Amino acid sequence: MSDLGKIDRAFFDRHIAPNLGADRDDVAVGPTHGVDFGVLDIGDRALVTATDPLSILPALGLERAARFALDLVLADVAVSGVPPSHLSICFTLPEGMTDDEFATVWETIHAECADLGVAVVTGHTARYADPSHPWVGAATAMGVGDHGDIVRPDGARPGDRLLLTNGPAVEAVGLLSTLFGEEIDCPAETISAAQDRLEEVYAVRDALTAAAAGPVRAMHDVTEGGLAGALNEMADGADARFAIDRDAVPLRPGVREVCDALGIDPWAATSCGSLLLSVDPDGVADVREALADRGTPVAEIGRVEALEGDDGAVLVDGDRLAHPNADPSWDAYAALAAAANGDGS
């Protein structure tokens, strides 16, 4: 298991996958490494659900931090193509968070949920002695839809085209440059461009827009492990090969420069807000147009092929791309926080 970030696949396969409680027939999609959501059979309907931690970073401004935290939770349901409709949420607040600060967080979550049609159905809120920012709780999102409407995580098929919104590392670069701009050795105009990437970390509406425009065969949000992780996880699930054109992968302004300054690979860094989509060729134009109408950058970066031999599940310009296993943005965050605190580590 890596020191920071999600558990790796080996740990999951050895310790988690064999120990999942009761074996129930109504679990249509259960826990799988690299898969964003689970599915329950509820009569002739499907309940899509996903659970994530809640991270509130006050330095972003409480309203923006709350919206960011909520989108992370709801996006894991939205990538199924089923709109999130219900939310269970738990806050374990640090003692130092005031009533007024939490009221701002909660009212922002309420407003965003109301706009998306999401109802809060239960929760828990309390202060405790040990918790500290940014990890202040967890939430479970749910959506109810038809089984046939679900975009399955393993649904990519040979012949599909691969689309990517926004590009690699927009979340990592946007967050790090906003939180630690003075500690990053880049010109002021580069830091400003990098900070603008923080406006591209919201994926829920993009995911639902793409699914409605489709047909989208599979969809994955580009979180821990970055684009390299998402490509491998989606290709492994489909038992297919993804052939990627490196030059077709977009890099948003400020991303390359900040990643170079921090010594991190943008393809391995978390990029919440970016979506990797496997799309039927007949739907590519419609999906791209629908996303462009929302002002979301989207590029066709490759295609899905039948897996043959041992060349690997993901090839970039013909060379195998491995899963990074660890996300470099964790170490970059720790180093920048140490520099900001002046401890020299």
Protein backbone atom coordinates (compact mmCIF):
# COMPACT_ATOMS: atom_id res chain seq x y z
CA MET A 1 0.00 0.00 0.00
CA SER A 2 1.30 3.50 -0.81
CA ASP A 3 2.07 5.82 2.13
CA LEU A 4 -0.38 8.47 0.89
CA GLY A 5 -3.47 8.30 -1.30
CA LYS A 6 -5.68 5.37 -2.21
CA ILE A 7 -4.72 1.77 -1.58
CA ASP A 8 -3.17 0.05 -4.56
CA ARG A 9 -4.70 -2.75 -6.59
CA ALA A 10 -2.60 -5.49 -4.98
CA PHE A 11 -3.83 -4.58 -1.49
CA PHE A 12 -7.40 -4.26 -2.76
CA ASP A 13 -7.33 -7.66 -4.47
CA ARG A 14 -5.77 -9.38 -1.44
CA HIS A 15 -7.61 -7.81 1.48
CA ILE A 16 -10.71 -5.94 0.27
CA ALA A 17 -12.21 -7.87 -2.64
CA PRO A 18 -12.48 -11.22 -0.78
CA ASN A 19 -14.12 -9.60 2.26
CA LEU A 20 -17.24 -7.72 1.23
CA GLY A 21 -19.78 -8.84 3.80
CA ALA A 22 -22.87 -10.74 2.75
CA ASP A 23 -23.16 -12.09 -0.78
CA ARG A 24 -26.39 -10.54 -2.10
CA ASP A 25 -27.99 -11.04 -5.50
CA ASP A 26 -29.14 -7.42 -5.69
CA VAL A 27 -25.57 -6.07 -6.00
CA ALA A 28 -25.23 -5.56 -9.75
CA VAL A 29 -21.87 -3.73 -9.59
CA GLY A 30 -19.85 -4.16 -6.42
CA PRO A 31 -16.53 -2.73 -5.22
CA THR A 32 -13.87 -2.93 -7.93
CA HIS A 33 -10.47 -1.24 -7.92
CA GLY A 34 -10.57 1.82 -10.15
CA VAL A 35 -14.38 1.83 -10.51
CA ASP A 36 -16.16 4.97 -9.34
CA PHE A 37 -19.56 3.61 -8.27
CA GLY A 38 -21.64 0.61 -7.27
CA VAL A 39 -25.10 -0.43 -8.49
CA LEU A 40 -28.00 -2.09 -6.68
CA ASP A 41 -31.00 -3.75 -8.33
CA ILE A 42 -34.15 -2.19 -6.87
CA GLY A 43 -37.00 -3.99 -8.58
CA ASP A 44 -36.79 -2.92 -12.21
CA ARG A 45 -34.73 0.15 -11.34
CA ALA A 46 -31.05 0.72 -10.59
CA LEU A 47 -29.65 2.58 -7.60
CA VAL A 48 -26.18 3.99 -8.36
CA THR A 49 -24.16 4.96 -5.29
CA ALA A 50 -20.69 6.21 -4.39
CA THR A 51 -18.93 7.29 -1.19
CA ASP A 52 -16.06 9.75 -0.81
CA PRO A 53 -14.32 11.76 1.91
CA LEU A 54 -15.14 15.44 2.31
CA SER A 55 -12.24 17.84 2.00
CA ILE A 56 -12.74 21.49 2.94
CA LEU A 57 -9.79 23.80 2.26
CA PRO A 58 -10.59 27.20 3.84
CA ALA A 59 -7.74 28.84 1.89
CA LEU A 60 -9.83 28.42 -1.27
CA GLY A 61 -12.65 30.45 0.25
CA LEU A 62 -15.38 28.52 2.03
CA GLU A 63 -17.95 28.73 -0.76
CA ARG A 64 -15.55 27.47 -3.43
CA ALA A 65 -14.16 24.83 -1.07
CA ALA A 66 -17.65 23.53 -0.29
CA ARG A 67 -18.68 23.37 -3.94
CA PHE A 68 -15.44 21.56 -4.80
CA ALA A 69 -15.97 19.01 -2.01
CA LEU A 70 -19.54 18.33 -3.09
CA ASP A 71 -18.68 17.93 -6.77
CA LEU A 72 -16.06 15.29 -5.91
CA VAL A 73 -18.77 13.20 -4.24
CA LEU A 74 -21.51 13.68 -6.84
CA ALA A 75 -19.20 13.16 -9.83
CA ASP A 76 -18.68 9.48 -8.99
CA VAL A 77 -22.39 8.88 -9.56
CA ALA A 78 -22.65 11.26 -12.52
CA VAL A 79 -20.04 9.29 -14.49
CA SER A 80 -22.58 6.44 -14.57
CA GLY A 81 -24.78 8.67 -16.73
CA VAL A 82 -27.46 8.59 -14.02
CA PRO A 83 -28.03 12.01 -12.41
CA PRO A 84 -27.26 12.10 -8.68
CA SER A 85 -30.53 12.63 -6.83
CA HIS A 86 -29.91 11.96 -3.12
CA LEU A 87 -27.13 12.65 -0.64
CA SER A 88 -26.19 11.31 2.79
CA ILE A 89 -23.51 13.46 4.42
CA CYS A 90 -21.43 13.35 7.59
CA PHE A 91 -19.38 16.21 9.02
CA THR A 92 -16.70 15.61 11.68
CA LEU A 93 -15.79 19.25 12.17
CA PRO A 94 -12.63 20.56 13.82
CA GLU A 95 -13.10 22.52 17.00
CA GLY A 96 -11.80 25.68 15.37
CA MET A 97 -14.54 25.86 12.72
CA THR A 98 -17.07 28.49 13.80
CA ASP A 99 -20.83 28.29 13.45
CA ASP A 100 -20.77 31.03 10.82
CA GLU A 101 -18.09 29.21 8.80
CA PHE A 102 -20.00 25.96 8.82
CA ALA A 103 -23.22 27.79 7.92
CA THR A 104 -21.47 29.13 4.81
CA VAL A 105 -20.31 25.63 3.87
CA TRP A 106 -23.74 24.12 4.42
CA GLU A 107 -25.67 26.84 2.60
CA THR A 108 -23.34 26.47 -0.40
CA ILE A 109 -23.90 22.71 -0.45
CA HIS A 110 -27.66 23.25 -0.21
CA ALA A 111 -27.69 25.73 -3.11
CA GLU A 112 -25.62 23.48 -5.38
CA CYS A 113 -27.72 20.42 -4.48
CA ALA A 114 -30.93 22.33 -5.17
CA ASP A 115 -29.63 23.43 -8.56
CA LEU A 116 -28.68 19.83 -9.47
CA GLY A 117 -31.91 18.30 -8.15
CA VAL A 118 -30.18 16.49 -5.27
CA ALA A 119 -32.01 16.03 -1.96
CA VAL A 120 -30.16 15.56 1.34
CA VAL A 121 -31.84 12.59 3.03
CA THR A 122 -29.76 12.00 6.16
CA GLY A 123 -26.50 12.92 7.82
CA HIS A 124 -24.48 13.65 10.94
CA THR A 125 -22.81 16.87 12.06
CA ALA A 126 -20.64 17.38 15.14
CA ARG A 127 -17.38 18.89 16.35
CA TYR A 128 -14.61 16.68 17.65
CA ALA A 129 -11.25 17.28 19.31
CA ASP A 130 -8.96 15.57 16.80
CA PRO A 131 -10.21 16.33 13.23
CA SER A 132 -8.50 19.09 11.28
CA HIS A 133 -8.79 20.61 7.83
CA PRO A 134 -9.05 19.53 5.12
CA TRP A 135 -10.60 16.13 5.99
CA VAL A 136 -13.87 16.93 7.74
CA GLY A 137 -16.18 14.00 6.98
CA ALA A 138 -17.58 11.87 4.19
CA ALA A 139 -20.69 11.58 2.04
CA THR A 140 -22.60 9.06 -0.02
CA ALA A 141 -24.28 10.12 -3.25
CA MET A 142 -27.09 8.17 -4.92
CA GLY A 143 -28.98 8.26 -8.19
CA VAL A 144 -31.92 6.21 -9.42
CA GLY A 145 -32.34 5.28 -13.07
CA ASP A 146 -32.93 2.54 -15.59
CA HIS A 147 -30.34 -0.23 -15.85
CA GLY A 148 -30.10 0.40 -19.58
CA ASP A 149 -29.12 4.02 -19.02
CA ILE A 150 -26.03 3.22 -16.93
CA VAL A 151 -22.67 3.97 -18.51
CA ARG A 152 -20.72 1.01 -17.19
CA PRO A 153 -17.09 1.50 -16.15
CA ASP A 154 -16.07 -1.57 -18.18
CA GLY A 155 -18.09 -0.67 -21.26
CA ALA A 156 -15.37 0.50 -23.69
CA ARG A 157 -15.48 -1.47 -26.97
CA PRO A 158 -12.99 -1.86 -29.83
CA GLY A 159 -13.63 0.88 -32.36
CA ASP A 160 -14.70 3.44 -29.75
CA ARG A 161 -13.01 6.83 -29.73
CA LEU A 162 -11.41 8.17 -26.56
CA LEU A 163 -12.22 11.74 -25.55
CA LEU A 164 -10.68 13.79 -22.74
CA THR A 165 -12.10 16.96 -21.21
CA ASN A 166 -9.83 19.71 -19.89
CA GLY A 167 -6.65 17.62 -19.77
CA PRO A 168 -4.16 16.26 -17.24
CA ALA A 169 -3.36 17.74 -13.82
CA VAL A 170 -5.84 20.65 -13.83
CA GLU A 171 -6.88 19.87 -10.24
CA ALA A 172 -3.36 19.36 -8.89
CA VAL A 173 -2.02 22.46 -10.60
CA GLY A 174 -5.03 24.61 -9.76
CA LEU A 175 -4.97 23.67 -6.08
CA LEU A 176 -1.21 23.81 -5.54
CA SER A 177 -0.79 27.15 -7.31
CA THR A 178 -3.71 28.65 -5.39
CA LEU A 179 -2.58 27.37 -1.99
CA PHE A 180 1.19 27.80 -2.46
CA GLY A 181 1.72 30.21 -5.35
CA GLU A 182 4.56 32.03 -3.58
CA GLU A 183 6.47 28.78 -3.06
CA ILE A 184 6.37 27.73 -6.74
CA ASP A 185 9.26 28.97 -8.88
CA CYS A 186 7.28 30.30 -11.84
CA PRO A 187 6.57 33.79 -13.19
CA ALA A 188 3.53 35.56 -11.77
CA GLU A 189 1.62 35.29 -15.05
CA THR A 190 2.17 31.52 -15.09
CA ILE A 191 0.93 31.18 -11.51
CA SER A 192 -2.14 33.25 -12.41
CA ALA A 193 -2.90 31.01 -15.40
CA ALA A 194 -2.41 27.92 -13.24
CA GLN A 195 -4.78 29.26 -10.59
CA ASP A 196 -7.46 29.64 -13.25
CA ARG A 197 -7.44 25.85 -13.63
CA LEU A 198 -9.30 25.66 -10.32
CA GLU A 199 -12.42 26.72 -12.21
CA GLU A 200 -12.20 23.49 -14.25
CA VAL A 201 -12.45 20.97 -11.41
CA TYR A 202 -16.23 20.45 -11.63
CA ALA A 203 -17.29 17.35 -13.55
CA VAL A 204 -20.93 16.60 -12.67
CA ARG A 205 -22.62 18.67 -15.34
CA ASP A 206 -20.06 17.68 -17.99
CA ALA A 207 -20.59 13.99 -17.24
CA LEU A 208 -24.36 14.24 -17.51
CA THR A 209 -24.10 16.36 -20.66
CA ALA A 210 -21.82 13.82 -22.35
CA ALA A 211 -24.00 10.86 -21.36
CA ALA A 212 -27.12 12.54 -22.72
CA ALA A 213 -25.42 13.38 -26.02
CA GLY A 214 -23.75 9.92 -26.45
CA PRO A 215 -23.76 7.06 -26.91
CA VAL A 216 -20.98 7.02 -24.30
CA ARG A 217 -19.75 3.47 -23.61
CA ALA A 218 -17.62 4.19 -20.53
CA MET A 219 -16.64 7.21 -18.47
CA HIS A 220 -14.07 7.77 -15.72
CA ASP A 221 -13.15 10.88 -13.76
CA VAL A 222 -9.41 11.54 -13.77
CA THR A 223 -8.65 11.63 -10.04
CA GLU A 224 -5.82 9.96 -8.09
CA GLY A 225 -3.22 8.51 -10.44
CA GLY A 226 -4.17 11.05 -13.06
CA LEU A 227 -4.71 10.36 -16.73
CA ALA A 228 -2.29 7.42 -16.71
CA GLY A 229 -4.25 5.78 -13.92
CA ALA A 230 -7.64 6.44 -15.51
CA LEU A 231 -6.53 5.04 -18.88
CA ASN A 232 -5.21 1.84 -17.31
CA GLU A 233 -8.21 1.33 -15.05
CA MET A 234 -10.74 1.81 -17.84
CA ALA A 235 -8.77 -0.35 -20.30
CA ASP A 236 -8.31 -3.13 -17.73
CA GLY A 237 -12.02 -3.12 -16.96
CA ALA A 238 -12.89 -3.49 -20.64
CA ASP A 239 -10.15 -6.05 -21.33
CA ALA A 240 -9.15 -3.85 -24.26
CA ARG A 241 -6.17 -1.84 -25.45
CA PHE A 242 -6.20 1.95 -25.53
CA ALA A 243 -4.03 3.47 -28.28
CA ILE A 244 -3.23 7.09 -27.36
CA ASP A 245 -1.71 9.91 -29.42
CA ARG A 246 0.40 11.93 -26.98
CA ASP A 247 0.29 15.10 -29.08
CA ALA A 248 -3.52 14.99 -29.05
CA VAL A 249 -3.69 15.21 -25.24
CA PRO A 250 -4.33 18.87 -24.33
CA LEU A 251 -2.42 20.71 -21.61
CA ARG A 252 -4.22 23.74 -20.21
CA PRO A 253 -2.32 27.01 -19.62
CA GLY A 254 0.05 26.84 -16.65
CA VAL A 255 -0.07 23.06 -16.28
CA ARG A 256 3.23 22.13 -17.91
CA GLU A 257 5.18 24.96 -16.30
CA VAL A 258 3.96 24.28 -12.75
CA CYS A 259 4.42 20.53 -13.10
CA ASP A 260 7.98 21.07 -14.35
CA ALA A 261 8.70 23.43 -11.46
CA LEU A 262 7.44 20.84 -8.96
CA GLY A 263 9.06 17.88 -10.69
CA ILE A 264 5.82 15.98 -11.20
CA ASP A 265 4.45 14.14 -14.22
CA PRO A 266 1.17 15.82 -15.25
CA TRP A 267 -0.14 12.50 -16.60
CA ALA A 268 0.17 10.93 -13.13
CA ALA A 269 -1.30 13.83 -11.11
CA THR A 270 -4.90 14.05 -9.98
CA SER A 271 -7.18 16.00 -12.28
CA CYS A 272 -10.66 16.07 -10.81
CA GLY A 273 -12.88 17.82 -13.35
CA SER A 274 -11.31 16.02 -16.30
CA LEU A 275 -13.29 13.14 -17.79
CA LEU A 276 -12.05 10.25 -19.89
CA LEU A 277 -14.79 8.98 -22.20
CA SER A 278 -15.06 6.01 -24.53
CA VAL A 279 -17.58 7.00 -27.18
CA ASP A 280 -19.22 5.15 -30.05
CA PRO A 281 -17.81 6.67 -33.27
CA ASP A 282 -21.31 7.74 -34.31
CA GLY A 283 -21.62 9.84 -31.14
CA VAL A 284 -18.27 11.59 -31.09
CA ALA A 285 -19.40 14.74 -32.91
CA ASP A 286 -22.52 15.09 -30.75
CA VAL A 287 -20.60 14.63 -27.49
CA ARG A 288 -17.92 17.11 -28.51
CA GLU A 289 -20.50 19.68 -29.60
CA ALA A 290 -22.53 19.30 -26.38
CA LEU A 291 -19.44 19.78 -24.21
CA ALA A 292 -18.19 22.68 -26.32
CA ASP A 293 -21.58 24.36 -25.87
CA ARG A 294 -20.90 24.26 -22.11
CA GLY A 295 -17.50 25.88 -22.70
CA THR A 296 -15.67 22.69 -21.75
CA PRO A 297 -12.45 21.93 -23.69
CA VAL A 298 -12.55 18.41 -25.14
CA ALA A 299 -10.15 16.53 -27.41
CA GLU A 300 -10.11 13.15 -29.16
CA ILE A 301 -6.93 11.49 -27.88
CA GLY A 302 -7.09 7.91 -29.19
CA ARG A 303 -9.12 4.80 -29.83
CA VAL A 304 -10.06 1.48 -28.28
CA GLU A 305 -8.61 -1.64 -29.89
CA ALA A 306 -8.86 -5.37 -29.28
CA LEU A 307 -6.25 -6.54 -26.79
CA GLU A 308 -3.67 -8.79 -28.44
CA GLY A 309 -0.48 -10.28 -27.08
CA ASP A 310 1.32 -8.75 -24.10
CA ASP A 311 1.92 -5.21 -25.37
CA GLY A 312 -0.08 -3.80 -22.49
CA ALA A 313 -3.50 -2.29 -22.00
CA VAL A 314 -2.42 1.31 -22.76
CA LEU A 315 -0.02 2.32 -25.52
CA VAL A 316 1.03 5.93 -26.01
CA ASP A 317 2.59 6.44 -29.44
CA GLY A 318 3.24 2.71 -29.39
CA ASP A 319 4.97 2.62 -25.99
CA ARG A 320 3.41 0.98 -22.96
CA LEU A 321 2.03 3.33 -20.27
CA ALA A 322 1.97 1.82 -16.78
CA HIS A 323 -0.35 2.73 -13.93
CA PRO A 324 1.58 5.18 -11.70
CA ASN A 325 0.24 3.56 -8.47
CA ALA A 326 1.21 6.67 -6.46
CA ASP A 327 0.04 10.21 -7.20
CA PRO A 328 2.95 12.72 -7.16
CA SER A 329 0.72 15.60 -6.09
CA TRP A 330 0.65 14.23 -2.52
CA ASP A 331 4.41 14.62 -2.09
CA ALA A 332 4.32 17.99 -3.84
CA TYR A 333 1.63 19.19 -1.43
CA ALA A 334 3.67 18.05 1.58
CA ALA A 335 6.84 19.74 0.33
CA LEU A 336 5.06 23.01 -0.47
CA ALA A 337 3.28 23.03 2.90
CA ALA A 338 6.62 22.53 4.64
CA ALA A 339 8.16 25.38 2.67
CA ALA A 340 5.21 27.65 3.44
CA ASN A 341 5.56 26.86 7.15
CA GLY A 342 9.27 27.60 7.00
CA ASP A 343 10.43 24.30 8.47
CA GLY A 344 12.81 23.62 5.57
CA SER A 345 11.71 20.03 5.01
